[in-house]
N, C-alpha and C. Protein backbone atom coordinates (compact mmCIF):
# COMPACT_ATOMS: atom_id res chain seq x y z
N ASP A 1 27.07 34.24 21.50
CA ASP A 1 25.80 34.59 22.08
C ASP A 1 24.80 33.45 21.78
N PRO A 2 24.37 32.73 22.92
CA PRO A 2 23.40 31.61 22.68
C PRO A 2 22.07 31.93 22.08
N ILE A 3 21.62 33.12 22.20
CA ILE A 3 20.37 33.47 21.65
C ILE A 3 20.53 33.70 20.20
N ALA A 4 21.50 34.52 19.85
CA ALA A 4 21.88 34.88 18.44
C ALA A 4 22.05 33.65 17.59
N ALA A 5 22.65 32.56 18.16
CA ALA A 5 22.88 31.32 17.45
C ALA A 5 21.54 30.74 17.00
N CYS A 6 20.50 30.84 17.79
CA CYS A 6 19.20 30.31 17.52
C CYS A 6 18.37 31.26 16.51
N THR A 7 18.42 32.54 16.87
CA THR A 7 17.59 33.43 16.11
C THR A 7 18.05 33.73 14.67
N ALA A 8 19.41 33.19 14.44
CA ALA A 8 19.89 33.36 13.01
C ALA A 8 19.02 32.63 12.05
N CYS A 9 18.40 31.59 12.57
CA CYS A 9 17.49 30.84 11.60
C CYS A 9 16.03 30.81 12.13
N HIS A 10 15.83 30.81 13.40
CA HIS A 10 14.49 30.76 14.13
C HIS A 10 14.04 32.21 14.46
N THR A 11 12.88 32.62 13.98
CA THR A 11 12.37 33.90 14.45
C THR A 11 11.57 33.80 15.70
N GLN A 12 11.56 34.78 16.56
CA GLN A 12 10.70 34.80 17.60
C GLN A 12 9.34 35.35 17.31
N VAL A 13 8.28 34.92 17.90
CA VAL A 13 6.98 35.45 17.64
C VAL A 13 6.47 36.13 18.96
N PRO A 14 6.45 37.48 18.99
CA PRO A 14 5.98 38.11 20.23
C PRO A 14 4.57 37.63 20.52
N GLY A 15 4.44 37.43 21.93
CA GLY A 15 3.16 36.89 22.39
C GLY A 15 3.08 35.38 22.33
N GLN A 16 3.85 34.66 21.57
CA GLN A 16 3.75 33.24 21.46
C GLN A 16 5.00 32.53 21.94
N ASP A 17 6.24 33.10 21.86
CA ASP A 17 7.38 32.54 22.34
C ASP A 17 7.68 33.09 23.79
N HIS A 18 8.35 32.19 24.57
CA HIS A 18 8.89 32.61 25.85
C HIS A 18 9.82 33.70 25.88
N PRO A 19 9.81 34.63 26.77
CA PRO A 19 10.88 35.69 26.69
C PRO A 19 12.19 35.10 27.08
N VAL A 20 13.31 35.62 26.33
CA VAL A 20 14.54 35.19 26.64
C VAL A 20 15.44 36.40 27.07
N ALA A 21 16.61 36.25 27.49
CA ALA A 21 17.59 37.35 27.94
C ALA A 21 17.04 38.00 29.15
N VAL A 22 16.23 37.28 29.97
CA VAL A 22 15.74 37.88 31.24
C VAL A 22 16.37 37.11 32.42
N SER A 23 16.53 37.82 33.48
CA SER A 23 17.08 37.24 34.69
C SER A 23 16.00 36.33 35.37
N VAL A 24 16.43 35.31 35.99
CA VAL A 24 15.52 34.35 36.66
C VAL A 24 15.87 34.22 38.11
N ARG A 25 15.07 33.77 38.88
CA ARG A 25 15.28 33.61 40.28
C ARG A 25 16.40 32.35 40.43
N LEU A 26 17.36 32.64 41.15
CA LEU A 26 18.29 31.60 41.28
C LEU A 26 18.12 30.75 42.60
N PRO A 27 18.49 29.61 42.67
CA PRO A 27 19.22 28.78 41.55
C PRO A 27 18.19 28.33 40.55
N ALA A 28 18.65 28.13 39.42
CA ALA A 28 17.72 27.58 38.32
C ALA A 28 17.45 26.30 38.67
N PRO A 29 16.37 25.67 38.18
CA PRO A 29 15.94 24.32 38.46
C PRO A 29 17.03 23.43 37.81
N PRO A 30 17.37 22.20 38.38
CA PRO A 30 18.39 21.40 37.76
C PRO A 30 17.98 20.89 36.45
N GLY A 31 19.07 20.90 35.57
CA GLY A 31 18.92 20.46 34.11
C GLY A 31 18.43 21.51 33.26
N LEU A 32 18.30 22.83 33.83
CA LEU A 32 17.90 23.95 32.95
C LEU A 32 19.01 24.96 33.02
N PRO A 33 20.03 24.87 32.15
CA PRO A 33 21.11 25.72 32.02
C PRO A 33 20.79 27.18 31.75
N LEU A 34 21.30 28.10 32.46
CA LEU A 34 21.18 29.55 32.08
C LEU A 34 22.37 30.03 31.29
N GLY A 35 22.16 31.15 30.60
CA GLY A 35 23.14 31.69 29.73
C GLY A 35 24.08 32.62 30.62
N PRO A 36 24.88 33.41 29.93
CA PRO A 36 25.67 34.46 30.56
C PRO A 36 24.94 35.25 31.53
N ASN A 37 25.54 35.64 32.60
CA ASN A 37 24.94 36.48 33.60
C ASN A 37 23.61 35.89 34.19
N GLY A 38 23.40 34.52 34.20
CA GLY A 38 22.29 33.98 34.83
C GLY A 38 20.94 34.16 34.17
N LYS A 39 20.99 34.50 32.87
CA LYS A 39 19.80 34.81 32.11
C LYS A 39 19.31 33.68 31.36
N LEU A 40 17.87 33.73 31.07
CA LEU A 40 17.18 32.69 30.51
C LEU A 40 17.50 32.78 29.02
N VAL A 41 17.92 31.77 28.34
CA VAL A 41 18.24 31.67 26.88
C VAL A 41 17.45 30.53 26.25
N CYS A 42 17.51 30.41 25.01
CA CYS A 42 16.81 29.36 24.30
C CYS A 42 17.20 28.01 24.71
N THR A 43 18.43 27.75 24.98
CA THR A 43 18.86 26.52 25.40
C THR A 43 18.64 26.24 26.81
N THR A 44 18.01 27.10 27.60
CA THR A 44 17.56 26.79 28.94
C THR A 44 16.45 25.73 28.87
N CYS A 45 15.57 25.79 27.92
CA CYS A 45 14.47 24.92 27.72
C CYS A 45 14.62 23.93 26.57
N HIS A 46 15.36 24.35 25.61
CA HIS A 46 15.53 23.49 24.40
C HIS A 46 16.97 22.86 24.28
N ASP A 47 16.97 21.65 23.99
CA ASP A 47 18.27 20.91 23.86
C ASP A 47 18.67 20.92 22.36
N PRO A 48 19.69 21.68 22.04
CA PRO A 48 20.00 21.85 20.59
C PRO A 48 20.46 20.46 20.01
N HIS A 49 20.96 19.57 20.78
CA HIS A 49 21.33 18.30 20.30
C HIS A 49 20.23 17.20 20.36
N ASN A 50 19.07 17.58 20.80
CA ASN A 50 17.89 16.71 20.95
C ASN A 50 18.07 15.46 21.46
N GLU A 51 18.90 15.42 22.57
CA GLU A 51 19.24 14.04 23.17
C GLU A 51 18.03 13.46 23.99
N THR A 52 17.15 14.37 24.41
CA THR A 52 16.00 13.98 25.20
C THR A 52 14.88 13.38 24.36
N GLN A 53 14.79 13.67 23.07
CA GLN A 53 13.83 13.18 22.21
C GLN A 53 12.40 13.69 22.51
N PHE A 54 12.28 14.75 23.35
CA PHE A 54 10.89 15.28 23.53
C PHE A 54 10.59 16.23 22.36
N PRO A 55 9.19 16.43 22.09
CA PRO A 55 8.82 17.36 20.98
C PRO A 55 9.50 18.64 21.04
N ARG A 56 9.71 19.31 19.98
CA ARG A 56 10.27 20.66 19.90
C ARG A 56 11.61 20.75 20.70
N MET A 57 12.30 19.56 20.71
CA MET A 57 13.65 19.59 21.33
C MET A 57 13.66 20.15 22.60
N LEU A 58 12.51 19.91 23.55
CA LEU A 58 12.49 20.44 24.84
C LEU A 58 13.33 19.52 25.63
N ARG A 59 13.87 20.05 26.77
CA ARG A 59 14.68 19.24 27.76
C ARG A 59 13.94 18.28 28.57
N MET A 60 12.58 18.48 28.75
CA MET A 60 11.79 17.56 29.48
C MET A 60 10.32 17.73 28.90
N GLU A 61 9.43 16.88 29.43
CA GLU A 61 8.02 16.98 29.06
C GLU A 61 7.56 18.45 29.29
N VAL A 62 6.67 18.81 28.37
CA VAL A 62 6.27 20.28 28.40
C VAL A 62 5.72 20.79 29.88
N ASN A 63 4.81 20.01 30.37
CA ASN A 63 4.11 20.41 31.51
C ASN A 63 5.19 20.39 32.72
N ALA A 64 6.06 19.44 32.71
CA ALA A 64 7.04 19.34 33.80
C ALA A 64 8.13 20.60 33.61
N LEU A 65 8.35 20.89 32.36
CA LEU A 65 9.27 21.97 32.01
C LEU A 65 8.71 23.24 32.69
N CYS A 66 7.50 23.59 32.26
CA CYS A 66 6.88 24.84 32.68
C CYS A 66 6.83 24.78 34.19
N ALA A 67 6.41 23.69 34.81
CA ALA A 67 6.25 23.79 36.28
C ALA A 67 7.59 23.78 37.02
N ALA A 68 8.71 23.57 36.29
CA ALA A 68 9.94 23.66 36.98
C ALA A 68 10.25 25.06 37.40
N CYS A 69 9.72 26.08 36.71
CA CYS A 69 9.91 27.45 37.10
C CYS A 69 8.67 28.20 37.54
N HIS A 70 7.69 27.78 36.97
CA HIS A 70 6.27 28.37 37.25
C HIS A 70 5.48 27.49 38.13
N LYS A 71 5.51 27.77 39.40
CA LYS A 71 4.74 26.96 40.41
C LYS A 71 3.30 27.26 40.35
């Protein structure tokens, strides 16, 4: 479970963290992988290997990341 792998150490703060385990409109934006059953997971927005070097291990710059799904 990709969410459980993250929440084993990182707690979610209601009202401050983006919802996860929710379905999204398909297709997902390029470079934002979905979890099982096409649901949003932590690694949709965060790169656990931090290859992008963006703050908070984001997959892209924060404004571009939000705008990828929220028009």
